[in-house]
PDB file of N, CA and C in Angstrom:
ATOM      1  N   ASN A   1     -28.315-129.906-111.648  1.00  0.00           N
ATOM      2  CA  ASN A   1     -29.373-130.922-111.099  1.00  0.00           C
ATOM      3  C   ASN A   1     -28.404-132.016-110.677  1.00  0.00           C
ATOM      4  N   THR A   2     -27.089-131.642-110.071  1.00  0.00           N
ATOM      5  CA  THR A   2     -26.379-132.511-109.393  1.00  0.00           C
ATOM      6  C   THR A   2     -25.660-132.070-107.745  1.00  0.00           C
ATOM      7  N   ALA A   3     -25.977-132.815-107.174  1.00  0.00           N
ATOM      8  CA  ALA A   3     -25.241-132.232-105.724  1.00  0.00           C
ATOM      9  C   ALA A   3     -23.970-132.536-105.706  1.00  0.00           C
ATOM     10  N   ARG A   4     -23.275-131.343-105.920  1.00  0.00           N
ATOM     11  CA  ARG A   4     -21.673-131.390-105.885  1.00  0.00           C
ATOM     12  C   ARG A   4     -21.263-131.792-104.349  1.00  0.00           C
ATOM     13  N   TYR A   5     -21.697-131.333-103.513  1.00  0.00           N
ATOM     14  CA  TYR A   5     -21.328-131.706-102.118  1.00  0.00           C
ATOM     15  C   TYR A   5     -22.824-131.860-101.275  1.00  0.00           C
ATOM     16  N   ASN A   6     -22.878-132.831-100.496  1.00  0.00           N
ATOM     17  CA  ASN A   6     -24.173-132.916 -99.558  1.00  0.00           C
ATOM     18  C   ASN A   6     -23.410-133.611 -98.325  1.00  0.00           C
ATOM     19  N   SER A   7     -22.999-132.665 -97.306  1.00  0.00           N
ATOM     20  CA  SER A   7     -22.537-133.443 -96.115  1.00  0.00           C
ATOM     21  C   SER A   7     -23.386-134.480 -95.366  1.00  0.00           C
ATOM     22  N   SER A   8     -22.802-135.292 -94.672  1.00  0.00           N
ATOM     23  CA  SER A   8     -23.484-136.268 -94.024  1.00  0.00           C
ATOM     24  C   SER A   8     -24.512-135.880 -92.963  1.00  0.00           C
ATOM     25  N   SER A   9     -24.640-134.886 -93.013  1.00  0.00           N
ATOM     26  CA  SER A   9     -25.620-134.263 -91.979  1.00  0.00           C
ATOM     27  C   SER A   9     -27.253-134.419 -92.352  1.00  0.00           C
ATOM     28  N   GLY A  10     -27.321-134.612 -93.546  1.00  0.00           N
ATOM     29  CA  GLY A  10     -28.727-135.023 -94.155  1.00  0.00           C
ATOM     30  C   GLY A  10     -29.797-133.928 -94.079  1.00  0.00           C
ATOM     31  N   HIS A  11     -29.118-132.457 -94.131  1.00  0.00           N
ATOM     32  CA  HIS A  11     -30.067-131.145 -94.449  1.00  0.00           C
ATOM     33  C   HIS A  11     -31.040-131.388 -95.590  1.00  0.00           C
ATOM     34  N   PHE A  12     -30.466-131.746 -96.755  1.00  0.00           N
ATOM     35  CA  PHE A  12     -31.283-131.773 -97.480  1.00  0.00           C
ATOM     36  C   PHE A  12     -30.901-132.897 -98.624  1.00  0.00           C
ATOM     37  N   SER A  13     -31.811-133.128 -99.628  1.00  0.00           N
ATOM     38  CA  SER A  13     -31.505-134.063-100.561  1.00  0.00           C
ATOM     39  C   SER A  13     -31.976-133.721-102.045  1.00  0.00           C
ATOM     40  N   ALA A  14     -31.356-134.071-103.122  1.00  0.00           N
ATOM     41  CA  ALA A  14     -31.556-133.628-104.274  1.00  0.00           C
ATOM     42  C   ALA A  14     -32.100-134.619-105.401  1.00  0.00           C
ATOM     43  N   SER A  15     -33.068-134.433-106.192  1.00  0.00           N
ATOM     44  CA  SER A  15     -33.310-135.360-107.227  1.00  0.00           C
ATOM     45  C   SER A  15     -34.320-134.433-108.290  1.00  0.00           C
ATOM     46  N   ASN A  16     -33.965-135.028-109.484  1.00  0.00           N
ATOM     47  CA  ASN A  16     -34.559-134.418-110.716  1.00  0.00           C
ATOM     48  C   ASN A  16     -34.797-132.897-110.636  1.00  0.00           C
ATOM     49  N   GLY A  17     -33.693-131.960-110.180  1.00  0.00           N
ATOM     50  CA  GLY A  17     -34.023-130.811-110.036  1.00  0.00           C
ATOM     51  C   GLY A  17     -34.475-130.090-108.973  1.00  0.00           C
ATOM     52  N   VAL A  18     -34.910-130.926-108.095  1.00  0.00           N
ATOM     53  CA  VAL A  18     -35.645-130.498-106.972  1.00  0.00           C
ATOM     54  C   VAL A  18     -34.722-130.828-105.291  1.00  0.00           C
ATOM     55  N   ILE A  19     -34.895-129.833-104.928  1.00  0.00           N
ATOM     56  CA  ILE A  19     -34.320-129.939-103.469  1.00  0.00           C
ATOM     57  C   ILE A  19     -35.100-130.038-102.395  1.00  0.00           C
ATOM     58  N   THR A  20     -35.063-131.075-101.455  1.00  0.00           N
ATOM     59  CA  THR A  20     -36.053-131.194-100.355  1.00  0.00           C
ATOM     60  C   THR A  20     -35.349-131.009 -99.024  1.00  0.00           C
ATOM     61  N   VAL A  21     -35.775-130.167 -98.473  1.00  0.00           N
ATOM     62  CA  VAL A  21     -35.021-129.739 -97.228  1.00  0.00           C
ATOM     63  C   VAL A  21     -35.513-130.778 -96.046  1.00  0.00           C
ATOM     64  N   ASN A  22     -34.590-131.494 -95.342  1.00  0.00           N
ATOM     65  CA  ASN A  22     -34.959-132.275 -94.229  1.00  0.00           C
ATOM     66  C   ASN A  22     -35.022-131.810 -92.952  1.00  0.00           C
ATOM     67  N   LEU A  23     -34.358-130.600 -92.713  1.00  0.00           N
ATOM     68  CA  LEU A  23     -34.181-130.278 -91.407  1.00  0.00           C
ATOM     69  C   LEU A  23     -34.614-128.674 -91.343  1.00  0.00           C
ATOM     70  N   ALA A  24     -35.611-128.246 -90.444  1.00  0.00           N
ATOM     71  CA  ALA A  24     -36.191-127.068 -90.546  1.00  0.00           C
ATOM     72  C   ALA A  24     -35.102-126.026 -90.177  1.00  0.00           C
ATOM     73  N   GLY A  25     -35.175-124.811 -90.535  1.00  0.00           N
ATOM     74  CA  GLY A  25     -34.582-123.703 -89.840  1.00  0.00           C
ATOM     75  C   GLY A  25     -34.123-122.543 -90.691  1.00  0.00           C
ATOM     76  N   LEU A  26     -33.351-121.844 -90.543  1.00  0.00           N
ATOM     77  CA  LEU A  26     -32.983-120.747 -91.283  1.00  0.00           C
ATOM     78  C   LEU A  26     -31.810-120.887 -92.271  1.00  0.00           C
ATOM     79  N   TYR A  27     -31.906-120.626 -93.657  1.00  0.00           N
ATOM     80  CA  TYR A  27     -31.049-121.191 -94.624  1.00  0.00           C
ATOM     81  C   TYR A  27     -30.740-120.082 -95.306  1.00  0.00           C
ATOM     82  N   HIS A  28     -29.214-119.848 -95.541  1.00  0.00           N
ATOM     83  CA  HIS A  28     -28.670-118.881 -96.634  1.00  0.00           C
ATOM     84  C   HIS A  28     -28.711-119.541 -97.993  1.00  0.00           C
ATOM     85  N   ILE A  29     -29.404-118.843 -98.890  1.00  0.00           N
ATOM     86  CA  ILE A  29     -29.572-119.683-100.107  1.00  0.00           C
ATOM     87  C   ILE A  29     -28.714-118.799-101.214  1.00  0.00           C
ATOM     88  N   GLN A  30     -27.741-119.256-101.993  1.00  0.00           N
ATOM     89  CA  GLN A  30     -27.085-118.538-102.584  1.00  0.00           C
ATOM     90  C   GLN A  30     -27.218-119.459-104.321  1.00  0.00           C
ATOM     91  N   TRP A  31     -27.501-118.587-105.258  1.00  0.00           N
ATOM     92  CA  TRP A  31     -27.536-119.289-106.515  1.00  0.00           C
ATOM     93  C   TRP A  31     -27.254-118.363-107.638  1.00  0.00           C
ATOM     94  N   HIS A  32     -26.829-119.028-108.884  1.00  0.00           N
ATOM     95  CA  HIS A  32     -26.501-118.262-109.888  1.00  0.00           C
ATOM     96  C   HIS A  32     -26.675-119.419-111.198  1.00  0.00           C
ATOM     97  N   LEU A  33     -26.936-118.596-112.275  1.00  0.00           N
ATOM     98  CA  LEU A  33     -27.475-119.324-113.471  1.00  0.00           C
ATOM     99  C   LEU A  33     -26.491-118.630-114.659  1.00  0.00           C
ATOM    100  N   MET A  34     -26.197-119.361-115.720  1.00  0.00           N
ATOM    101  CA  MET A  34     -25.471-118.854-116.772  1.00  0.00           C
ATOM    102  C   MET A  34     -26.427-119.572-117.988  1.00  0.00           C
ATOM    103  N   THR A  35     -26.661-118.449-118.840  1.00  0.00           N
ATOM    104  CA  THR A  35     -27.389-118.995-119.948  1.00  0.00           C
ATOM    105  C   THR A  35     -26.632-118.546-121.322  1.00  0.00           C
ATOM    106  N   ASP A  36     -26.835-119.209-122.434  1.00  0.00           N
ATOM    107  CA  ASP A  36     -26.117-119.191-123.704  1.00  0.00           C
ATOM    108  C   ASP A  36     -27.116-119.198-124.673  1.00  0.00           C
ATOM    109  N   VAL A  37     -26.734-118.455-125.760  1.00  0.00           N
ATOM    110  CA  VAL A  37     -27.607-118.595-127.033  1.00  0.00           C
ATOM    111  C   VAL A  37     -27.222-119.623-127.809  1.00  0.00           C
ATOM    112  N   THR A  38     -27.821-120.514-128.195  1.00  0.00           N
ATOM    113  CA  THR A  38     -27.563-121.690-129.202  1.00  0.00           C
ATOM    114  C   THR A  38     -27.906-121.576-130.480  1.00  0.00           C
ATOM    115  N   SER A  39     -29.059-120.838-130.866  1.00  0.00           N
ATOM    116  CA  SER A  39     -29.319-120.325-132.217  1.00  0.00           C
ATOM    117  C   SER A  39     -30.176-119.167-132.033  1.00  0.00           C
ATOM    118  N   GLY A  40     -30.034-118.196-133.284  1.00  0.00           N
ATOM    119  CA  GLY A  40     -30.713-116.978-133.302  1.00  0.00           C
ATOM    120  C   GLY A  40     -29.636-115.918-133.473  1.00  0.00           C
ATOM    121  N   ASP A  41     -30.079-114.487-133.875  1.00  0.00           N
ATOM    122  CA  ASP A  41     -29.213-113.600-134.279  1.00  0.00           C
ATOM    123  C   ASP A  41     -29.859-112.314-133.840  1.00  0.00           C
ATOM    124  N   SER A  42     -30.880-112.295-132.617  1.00  0.00           N
ATOM    125  CA  SER A  42     -31.215-111.198-132.253  1.00  0.00           C
ATOM    126  C   SER A  42     -31.060-111.133-130.712  1.00  0.00           C
ATOM    127  N   ARG A  43     -31.352-110.083-130.166  1.00  0.00           N
ATOM    128  CA  ARG A  43     -31.119-109.806-128.746  1.00  0.00           C
ATOM    129  C   ARG A  43     -32.237-110.267-128.009  1.00  0.00           C
ATOM    130  N   SER A  44     -32.056-111.284-127.119  1.00  0.00           N
ATOM    131  CA  SER A  44     -33.113-111.803-126.057  1.00  0.00           C
ATOM    132  C   SER A  44     -32.756-111.622-124.723  1.00  0.00           C
ATOM    133  N   ALA A  45     -33.949-111.888-123.842  1.00  0.00           N
ATOM    134  CA  ALA A  45     -33.920-111.484-122.271  1.00  0.00           C
ATOM    135  C   ALA A  45     -34.282-112.989-121.830  1.00  0.00           C
ATOM    136  N   SER A  46     -33.560-113.380-120.967  1.00  0.00           N
ATOM    137  CA  SER A  46     -34.205-114.643-120.088  1.00  0.00           C
ATOM    138  C   SER A  46     -33.958-114.073-118.532  1.00  0.00           C
ATOM    139  N   ILE A  47     -35.080-115.040-117.773  1.00  0.00           N
ATOM    140  CA  ILE A  47     -35.004-114.640-116.500  1.00  0.00           C
ATOM    141  C   ILE A  47     -34.763-116.013-115.710  1.00  0.00           C
ATOM    142  N   ALA A  48     -34.760-116.059-114.372  1.00  0.00           N
ATOM    143  CA  ALA A  48     -34.636-117.198-113.644  1.00  0.00           C
ATOM    144  C   ALA A  48     -35.292-116.847-112.172  1.00  0.00           C
ATOM    145  N   TYR A  49     -35.745-117.839-111.387  1.00  0.00           N
ATOM    146  CA  TYR A  49     -36.183-117.422-110.273  1.00  0.00           C
ATOM    147  C   TYR A  49     -36.284-118.824-109.382  1.00  0.00           C
ATOM    148  N   ILE A  50     -36.276-118.813-108.077  1.00  0.00           N
ATOM    149  CA  ILE A  50     -36.686-119.826-107.187  1.00  0.00           C
ATOM    150  C   ILE A  50     -38.160-119.947-106.799  1.00  0.00           C
ATOM    151  N   GLN A  51     -38.387-121.314-106.751  1.00  0.00           N
ATOM    152  CA  GLN A  51     -39.725-121.689-106.074  1.00  0.00           C
ATOM    153  C   GLN A  51     -39.629-122.390-104.997  1.00  0.00           C
ATOM    154  N   ARG A  52     -40.542-122.212-104.012  1.00  0.00           N
ATOM    155  CA  ARG A  52     -40.599-123.021-102.728  1.00  0.00           C
ATOM    156  C   ARG A  52     -41.767-123.812-102.833  1.00  0.00           C
ATOM    157  N   ASN A  53     -41.633-124.953-102.637  1.00  0.00           N
ATOM    158  CA  ASN A  53     -43.090-125.887-102.716  1.00  0.00           C
ATOM    159  C   ASN A  53     -44.013-125.641-104.052  1.00  0.00           C
ATOM    160  N   TYR A  54     -42.966-125.409-105.057  1.00  0.00           N
ATOM    161  CA  TYR A  54     -43.722-125.055-106.569  1.00  0.00           C
ATOM    162  C   TYR A  54     -44.579-123.770-106.548  1.00  0.00           C
ATOM    163  N   SER A  55     -44.152-123.077-105.590  1.00  0.00           N
ATOM    164  CA  SER A  55     -44.820-121.723-105.749  1.00  0.00           C
ATOM    165  C   SER A  55     -43.683-120.598-105.830  1.00  0.00           C
ATOM    166  N   GLY A  56     -44.051-119.516-106.468  1.00  0.00           N
ATOM    167  CA  GLY A  56     -43.001-118.365-106.528  1.00  0.00           C
ATOM    168  C   GLY A  56     -42.925-117.670-105.274  1.00  0.00           C
ATOM    169  N   LEU A  57     -41.656-117.070-104.999  1.00  0.00           N
ATOM    170  CA  LEU A  57     -40.996-116.302-103.907  1.00  0.00           C
ATOM    171  C   LEU A  57     -41.064-114.729-104.542  1.00  0.00           C
ATOM    172  N   THR A  58     -41.520-114.114-103.673  1.00  0.00           N
ATOM    173  CA  THR A  58     -41.415-112.481-103.919  1.00  0.00           C
ATOM    174  C   THR A  58     -39.998-112.036-104.069  1.00  0.00           C
ATOM    175  N   GLY A  59     -39.578-111.271-104.943  1.00  0.00           N
ATOM    176  CA  GLY A  59     -38.260-110.615-105.000  1.00  0.00           C
ATOM    177  C   GLY A  59     -37.003-111.470-105.131  1.00  0.00           C
ATOM    178  N   ASN A  60     -37.031-112.587-105.972  1.00  0.00           N
ATOM    179  CA  ASN A  60     -35.762-113.399-106.049  1.00  0.00           C
ATOM    180  C   ASN A  60     -35.889-113.553-107.741  1.00  0.00           C
ATOM    181  N   ARG A  61     -36.249-112.876-108.615  1.00  0.00           N
ATOM    182  CA  ARG A  61     -36.074-112.967-109.974  1.00  0.00           C
ATOM    183  C   ARG A  61     -34.886-112.331-110.319  1.00  0.00           C
ATOM    184  N   ILE A  62     -33.989-113.061-111.274  1.00  0.00           N
ATOM    185  CA  ILE A  62     -32.850-112.400-111.994  1.00  0.00           C
ATOM    186  C   ILE A  62     -33.041-112.383-113.355  1.00  0.00           C
ATOM    187  N   GLY A  63     -32.495-111.401-114.066  1.00  0.00           N
ATOM    188  CA  GLY A  63     -32.600-111.270-115.574  1.00  0.00           C
ATOM    189  C   GLY A  63     -31.266-111.149-116.236  1.00  0.00           C
ATOM    190  N   MET A  64     -31.201-111.791-117.438  1.00  0.00           N
ATOM    191  CA  MET A  64     -30.179-111.756-118.154  1.00  0.00           C
ATOM    192  C   MET A  64     -30.469-111.182-119.581  1.00  0.00           C
ATOM    193  N   CYS A  65     -29.256-110.514-120.223  1.00  0.00           N
ATOM    194  CA  CYS A  65     -29.610-110.231-121.682  1.00  0.00           C
ATOM    195  C   CYS A  65     -28.651-111.204-122.530  1.00  0.00           C
ATOM    196  N   ASN A  66     -29.371-111.716-123.529  1.00  0.00           N
ATOM    197  CA  ASN A  66     -28.601-112.821-124.181  1.00  0.00           C
ATOM    198  C   ASN A  66     -28.408-112.207-125.770  1.00  0.00           C
ATOM    199  N   ARG A  67     -27.374-112.069-126.160  1.00  0.00           N
ATOM    200  CA  ARG A  67     -27.260-111.170-127.552  1.00  0.00           C
ATOM    201  C   ARG A  67     -27.184-112.287-128.556  1.00  0.00           C
ATOM    202  N   ASN A  68     -25.962-112.596-129.063  1.00  0.00           N
ATOM    203  CA  ASN A  68     -26.043-113.818-130.348  1.00  0.00           C
ATOM    204  C   ASN A  68     -25.092-114.800-130.107  1.00  0.00           C
ATOM    205  N   ILE A  69     -24.887-115.845-130.934  1.00  0.00           N
ATOM    206  CA  ILE A  69     -24.279-117.048-130.752  1.00  0.00           C
ATOM    207  C   ILE A  69     -22.695-116.563-130.571  1.00  0.00           C
ATOM    208  N   GLY A  70     -21.922-116.856-129.509  1.00  0.00           N
ATOM    209  CA  GLY A  70     -20.640-116.575-129.294  1.00  0.00           C
ATOM    210  C   GLY A  70     -20.558-115.227-128.377  1.00  0.00           C
ATOM    211  N   THR A  71     -21.681-114.599-128.456  1.00  0.00           N
ATOM    212  CA  THR A  71     -21.589-113.425-127.380  1.00  0.00           C
ATOM    213  C   THR A  71     -22.876-113.469-126.413  1.00  0.00           C
ATOM    214  N   GLY A  72     -23.332-114.720-126.378  1.00  0.00           N
ATOM    215  CA  GLY A  72     -24.873-114.616-125.771  1.00  0.00           C
ATOM    216  C   GLY A  72     -24.577-115.183-124.476  1.00  0.00           C
ATOM    217  N   ASP A  73     -23.405-115.405-123.765  1.00  0.00           N
ATOM    218  CA  ASP A  73     -23.278-115.923-122.566  1.00  0.00           C
ATOM    219  C   ASP A  73     -23.607-114.875-121.485  1.00  0.00           C
ATOM    220  N   CYS A  74     -24.327-114.957-120.462  1.00  0.00           N
ATOM    221  CA  CYS A  74     -24.572-114.290-119.488  1.00  0.00           C
ATOM    222  C   CYS A  74     -24.886-114.927-118.130  1.00  0.00           C
ATOM    223  N   THR A  75     -24.391-114.446-116.869  1.00  0.00           N
ATOM    224  CA  THR A  75     -24.499-114.853-115.623  1.00  0.00           C
ATOM    225  C   THR A  75     -25.269-114.029-114.744  1.00  0.00           C
ATOM    226  N   ALA A  76     -26.311-114.656-113.960  1.00  0.00           N
ATOM    227  CA  ALA A  76     -26.944-113.445-112.935  1.00  0.00           C
ATOM    228  C   ALA A  76     -26.956-114.465-111.570  1.00  0.00           C
ATOM    229  N   GLY A  77     -26.916-113.985-110.388  1.00  0.00           N
ATOM    230  CA  GLY A  77     -27.178-114.788-109.477  1.00  0.00           C
ATOM    231  C   GLY A  77     -27.875-113.914-108.090  1.00  0.00           C
ATOM    232  N   MET A  78     -28.164-114.393-107.103  1.00  0.00           N
ATOM    233  CA  MET A  78     -28.816-113.947-105.888  1.00  0.00           C
ATOM    234  C   MET A  78     -28.487-114.673-104.530  1.00  0.00           C
ATOM    235  N   SER A  79     -28.467-114.257-103.403  1.00  0.00           N
ATOM    236  CA  SER A  79     -28.426-114.810-102.252  1.00  0.00           C
ATOM    237  C   SER A  79     -29.770-114.165-101.519  1.00  0.00           C
ATOM    238  N   MET A  80     -30.125-115.054-100.677  1.00  0.00           N
ATOM    239  CA  MET A  80     -31.191-114.901 -99.745  1.00  0.00           C
ATOM    240  C   MET A  80     -31.426-115.465 -98.216  1.00  0.00           C
ATOM    241  N   LEU A  81     -31.754-114.884 -97.299  1.00  0.00           N
ATOM    242  CA  LEU A  81     -32.205-115.845 -96.192  1.00  0.00           C
ATOM    243  C   LEU A  81     -33.536-116.405 -96.218  1.00  0.00           C
ATOM    244  N   LEU A  82     -33.907-117.589 -95.790  1.00  0.00           N
ATOM    245  CA  LEU A  82     -35.215-117.992 -96.055  1.00  0.00           C
ATOM    246  C   LEU A  82     -35.245-118.968 -94.867  1.00  0.00           C
ATOM    247  N   GLU A  83     -36.366-118.789 -94.132  1.00  0.00           N
ATOM    248  CA  GLU A  83     -36.816-119.733 -93.231  1.00  0.00           C
ATOM    249  C   GLU A  83     -37.701-121.017 -93.862  1.00  0.00           C
ATOM    250  N   LEU A  84     -37.153-122.052 -93.584  1.00  0.00           N
ATOM    251  CA  LEU A  84     -37.513-123.523 -94.421  1.00  0.00           C
ATOM    252  C   LEU A  84     -38.027-124.420 -93.241  1.00  0.00           C
ATOM    253  N   ALA A  85     -39.374-124.929 -93.835  1.00  0.00           N
ATOM    254  CA  ALA A  85     -39.662-126.423 -92.805  1.00  0.00           C
ATOM    255  C   ALA A  85     -39.266-127.473 -93.326  1.00  0.00           C
ATOM    256  N   ALA A  86     -39.439-128.365 -92.488  1.00  0.00           N
ATOM    257  CA  ALA A  86     -38.763-129.787 -93.051  1.00  0.00           C
ATOM    258  C   ALA A  86     -40.006-130.266 -94.382  1.00  0.00           C
ATOM    259  N   GLY A  87     -39.284-130.780 -95.229  1.00  0.00           N
ATOM    260  CA  GLY A  87     -40.245-131.243 -96.386  1.00  0.00           C
ATOM    261  C   GLY A  87     -40.277-130.193 -97.334  1.00  0.00           C
ATOM    262  N   ASP A  88     -40.055-128.897 -97.236  1.00  0.00           N
ATOM    263  CA  ASP A  88     -39.921-127.818 -98.086  1.00  0.00           C
ATOM    264  C   ASP A  88     -39.271-128.201 -99.321  1.00  0.00           C
ATOM    265  N   THR A  89     -39.626-127.902-100.452  1.00  0.00           N
ATOM    266  CA  THR A  89     -39.010-128.059-101.670  1.00  0.00           C
ATOM    267  C   THR A  89     -38.477-126.965-102.193  1.00  0.00           C
ATOM    268  N   LEU A  90     -37.129-126.839-102.950  1.00  0.00           N
ATOM    269  CA  LEU A  90     -36.771-125.695-103.792  1.00  0.00           C
ATOM    270  C   LEU A  90     -36.591-126.027-105.115  1.00  0.00           C
ATOM    271  N   ARG A  91     -36.616-125.246-106.130  1.00  0.00           N
ATOM    272  CA  ARG A  91     -36.322-125.413-107.506  1.00  0.00           C
ATOM    273  C   ARG A  91     -36.007-124.238-108.156  1.00  0.00           C
ATOM    274  N   VAL A  92     -34.867-124.016-109.149  1.00  0.00           N
ATOM    275  CA  VAL A  92     -34.950-123.025-109.886  1.00  0.00           C
ATOM    276  C   VAL A  92     -35.362-123.229-111.309  1.00  0.00           C
ATOM    277  N   LEU A  93     -36.072-122.020-111.620  1.00  0.00           N
ATOM    278  CA  LEU A  93     -36.890-122.063-113.139  1.00  0.00           C
ATOM    279  C   LEU A  93     -36.409-121.088-113.923  1.00  0.00           C
ATOM    280  N   ALA A  94     -36.026-121.205-115.272  1.00  0.00           N
ATOM    281  CA  ALA A  94     -35.663-120.332-115.968  1.00  0.00           C
ATOM    282  C   ALA A  94     -36.140-120.351-117.387  1.00  0.00           C
ATOM    283  N   ARG A  95     -36.310-119.290-118.114  1.00  0.00           N
ATOM    284  CA  ARG A  95     -37.397-119.015-119.564  1.00  0.00           C
ATOM    285  C   ARG A  95     -36.648-117.848-120.050  1.00  0.00           C
ATOM    286  N   ARG A  96     -36.941-117.855-121.281  1.00  0.00           N
ATOM    287  CA  ARG A  96     -36.716-116.786-122.180  1.00  0.00           C
ATOM    288  C   ARG A  96     -37.794-115.874-122.070  1.00  0.00           C
ATOM    289  N   GLU A  97     -37.763-114.663-121.836  1.00  0.00           N
ATOM    290  CA  GLU A  97     -38.580-113.822-121.495  1.00  0.00           C
ATOM    291  C   GLU A  97     -39.258-112.825-122.744  1.00  0.00           C
ATOM    292  N   ALA A  98     -38.060-112.681-123.552  1.00  0.00           N
ATOM    293  CA  ALA A  98     -38.356-111.612-124.779  1.00  0.00           C
ATOM    294  C   ALA A  98     -37.360-112.109-125.772  1.00  0.00           C
ATOM    295  N   GLY A  99     -37.632-111.813-127.030  1.00  0.00           N
ATOM    296  CA  GLY A  99     -36.771-112.350-128.177  1.00  0.00           C
ATOM    297  C   GLY A  99     -37.155-113.593-128.691  1.00  0.00           C
ATOM    298  N   THR A 100     -36.229-114.009-129.740  1.00  0.00           N
ATOM    299  CA  THR A 100     -36.536-115.120-130.382  1.00  0.00           C
ATOM    300  C   THR A 100     -35.307-116.188-130.341  1.00  0.00           C
ATOM    301  N   ASN A 101     -34.216-115.904-129.801  1.00  0.00           N
ATOM    302  CA  ASN A 101     -32.875-116.795-129.869  1.00  0.00           C
ATOM    303  C   ASN A 101     -33.437-118.038-128.963  1.00  0.00           C
ATOM    304  N   THR A 102     -32.791-119.030-129.238  1.00  0.00           N
ATOM    305  CA  THR A 102     -32.866-120.457-128.401  1.00  0.00           C
ATOM    306  C   THR A 102     -31.592-120.214-127.454  1.00  0.00           C
ATOM    307  N   ILE A 103     -32.175-120.214-126.249  1.00  0.00           N
ATOM    308  CA  ILE A 103     -31.384-120.174-125.167  1.00  0.00           C
ATOM    309  C   ILE A 103     -31.295-121.364-124.316  1.00  0.00           C
ATOM    310  N   ARG A 104     -30.168-121.618-123.620  1.00  0.00           N
ATOM    311  CA  ARG A 104     -29.949-122.742-122.744  1.00  0.00           C
ATOM    312  C   ARG A 104     -29.315-122.224-121.524  1.00  0.00           C
ATOM    313  N   VAL A 105     -29.602-123.223-120.362  1.00  0.00           N
ATOM    314  CA  VAL A 105     -28.817-122.970-119.006  1.00  0.00           C
ATOM    315  C   VAL A 105     -27.633-123.999-119.231  1.00  0.00           C
ATOM    316  N   THR A 106     -26.552-123.402-118.811  1.00  0.00           N
ATOM    317  CA  THR A 106     -25.345-124.238-119.019  1.00  0.00           C
ATOM    318  C   THR A 106     -25.158-124.956-117.657  1.00  0.00           C
ATOM    319  N   THR A 107     -23.999-125.717-117.841  1.00  0.00           N
ATOM    320  CA  THR A 107     -23.584-126.487-116.461  1.00  0.00           C
ATOM    321  C   THR A 107     -22.800-125.507-115.651  1.00  0.00           C
ATOM    322  N   HIS A 108     -22.523-124.430-115.773  1.00  0.00           N
ATOM    323  CA  HIS A 108     -22.030-123.368-115.011  1.00  0.00           C
ATOM    324  C   HIS A 108     -22.987-122.485-114.182  1.00  0.00           C
ATOM    325  N   SER A 109     -24.017-123.337-113.803  1.00  0.00           N
ATOM    326  CA  SER A 109     -25.046-122.774-112.795  1.00  0.00           C
ATOM    327  C   SER A 109     -25.017-123.712-111.638  1.00  0.00           C
ATOM    328  N   GLY A 110     -25.747-122.947-110.468  1.00  0.00           N
ATOM    329  CA  GLY A 110     -25.532-123.699-109.134  1.00  0.00           C
ATOM    330  C   GLY A 110     -26.442-123.207-108.141  1.00  0.00           C
ATOM    331  N   ILE A 111     -26.538-123.892-106.966  1.00  0.00           N
ATOM    332  CA  ILE A 111     -27.111-123.491-105.834  1.00  0.00           C
ATOM    333  C   ILE A 111     -26.583-123.983-104.633  1.00  0.00           C
ATOM    334  N   THR A 112     -26.498-122.982-103.660  1.00  0.00           N
ATOM    335  CA  THR A 112     -25.818-123.528-102.363  1.00  0.00           C
ATOM    336  C   THR A 112     -26.853-123.217-101.168  1.00  0.00           C
ATOM    337  N   LEU A 113     -26.948-124.143-100.261  1.00  0.00           N
ATOM    338  CA  LEU A 113     -27.977-124.015 -98.976  1.00  0.00           C
ATOM    339  C   LEU A 113     -27.068-124.241 -97.783  1.00  0.00           C
ATOM    340  N   ILE A 114     -26.729-123.258 -96.978  1.00  0.00           N
ATOM    341  CA  ILE A 114     -26.278-123.405 -95.781  1.00  0.00           C
ATOM    342  C   ILE A 114     -27.105-123.180 -94.766  1.00  0.00           C
ATOM    343  N   LYS A 115     -27.398-124.133 -93.547  1.00  0.00           N
ATOM    344  CA  LYS A 115     -28.263-123.947 -92.628  1.00  0.00           C
ATOM    345  C   LYS A 115     -27.659-123.155 -91.545  1.00  0.00           C
ATOM    346  N   LEU A 116     -28.158-121.905 -91.025  1.00  0.00           N
ATOM    347  CA  LEU A 116     -27.679-121.040 -90.157  1.00  0.00           C
ATOM    348  C   LEU A 116     -28.020-121.717 -88.588  1.00  0.00           C
TER     349      LEU A 116
END
């Protein structure tokens, strides 16, 4: 939820986990998510995906298998080309899909937008 680098071009802004695109165009979007088990001792599955304007996009769901504490770290990622309009928003959502472990998204996660 932190912008590590945002050039002075003003192509996007980020606030509260939502990225707002300020300049329309074709963007190369790369994102990755790392999840970790914080409690539990059974295999669980987690998923993550991007939403544009708070609606899902077809074909961008990633999945992770989270095992136990200490062996539950898992990373998945994806890249795509996406035509965005000025004012479009993007956000990444994650959730446990199966199992009973408590899973968290780590700070080793990120998203990159490159205007082409």
